[in-house]
Amino acid sequence: MGRKDIRLASDDEKERIYEQIEALYLQEKPVTVLEHKSGFPAVTVDCEDIHILTDCLSIEQWRAKKKSQQGGEK
């Protein structure tokens, strides 16, 4: 399995990938997030054909941004 390292990718690129993963998750596809052997904050995320190495901090920032946007739409 090839794992794409997106730790140094732009925020926009990370968000695009996180959105793809979320769309699969909403289709009830399993998502696995594990701490990477290099240590915190690196994590691996696997969902269907998406296999990435990223940082959990950017995932948390994306999630907080998404939550605040959803709150503003109500």
Protein backbone atom coordinates (compact mmCIF):
# COMPACT_ATOMS: atom_id res chain seq x y z
CA MET A 1 0.00 0.00 0.00
CA GLY A 2 1.37 3.39 -0.96
CA ARG A 3 0.78 6.08 1.63
CA LYS A 4 0.76 9.72 0.51
CA ASP A 5 2.55 12.07 2.93
CA ILE A 6 0.51 15.29 3.06
CA ARG A 7 2.06 16.81 6.19
CA LEU A 8 3.68 19.58 4.16
CA ALA A 9 0.76 20.05 1.75
CA SER A 10 -1.18 23.30 1.69
CA ASP A 11 -4.21 23.68 3.94
CA ASP A 12 -6.42 23.67 0.82
CA GLU A 13 -4.99 20.33 -0.36
CA LYS A 14 -5.40 18.78 3.10
CA GLU A 15 -8.98 20.04 3.33
CA ARG A 16 -9.79 18.56 -0.09
CA ILE A 17 -8.54 15.15 1.04
CA TYR A 18 -10.29 15.38 4.42
CA GLU A 19 -13.54 16.21 2.59
CA GLN A 20 -13.12 13.10 0.42
CA ILE A 21 -12.61 10.96 3.52
CA GLU A 22 -15.62 12.50 5.25
CA ALA A 23 -17.81 11.81 2.20
CA LEU A 24 -16.80 8.14 2.34
CA TYR A 25 -17.37 8.07 6.10
CA LEU A 26 -20.89 9.42 5.59
CA GLN A 27 -21.44 6.48 3.22
CA GLU A 28 -20.53 4.27 6.20
CA LYS A 29 -17.12 3.33 4.83
CA PRO A 30 -14.66 2.47 7.62
CA VAL A 31 -11.99 5.02 8.49
CA THR A 32 -8.90 4.07 10.47
CA VAL A 33 -6.74 6.69 12.18
CA LEU A 34 -3.59 5.50 13.95
CA GLU A 35 -0.60 7.24 15.48
CA HIS A 36 2.34 6.96 13.11
CA LYS A 37 5.50 5.26 14.32
CA SER A 38 7.33 8.60 14.04
CA GLY A 39 5.18 9.84 16.91
CA PHE A 40 2.77 12.63 17.73
CA PRO A 41 1.30 14.51 15.93
CA ALA A 42 1.76 12.26 12.87
CA VAL A 43 -1.13 9.92 12.10
CA THR A 44 -2.04 7.54 9.32
CA VAL A 45 -5.54 7.67 7.88
CA ASP A 46 -6.96 4.88 5.76
CA CYS A 47 -10.35 4.85 4.05
CA GLU A 48 -11.11 2.85 0.90
CA ASP A 49 -8.38 3.82 -1.62
CA ILE A 50 -7.16 6.81 0.43
CA HIS A 51 -4.03 6.14 2.49
CA ILE A 52 -2.36 9.23 3.92
CA LEU A 53 0.18 10.33 6.47
CA THR A 54 -0.85 13.63 8.01
CA ASP A 55 -0.86 15.47 11.31
CA CYS A 56 -3.75 15.25 13.73
CA LEU A 57 -3.50 19.00 14.43
CA SER A 58 -4.56 19.89 10.87
CA ILE A 59 -7.44 17.40 11.10
CA GLU A 60 -8.60 19.07 14.32
CA GLN A 61 -8.32 22.53 12.74
CA TRP A 62 -10.30 21.40 9.68
CA ARG A 63 -12.97 19.84 11.90
CA ALA A 64 -13.29 23.01 14.05
CA LYS A 65 -13.55 25.17 10.91
CA LYS A 66 -16.19 22.88 9.43
CA LYS A 67 -18.16 22.84 12.68
CA SER A 68 -18.14 26.64 12.92
CA GLN A 69 -19.28 26.94 9.28
CA GLN A 70 -22.11 24.49 9.89
CA GLY A 71 -23.18 26.42 12.99
CA GLY A 72 -23.35 29.62 10.96
CA GLU A 73 -25.64 28.02 8.38
CA LYS A 74 -28.37 27.15 10.89
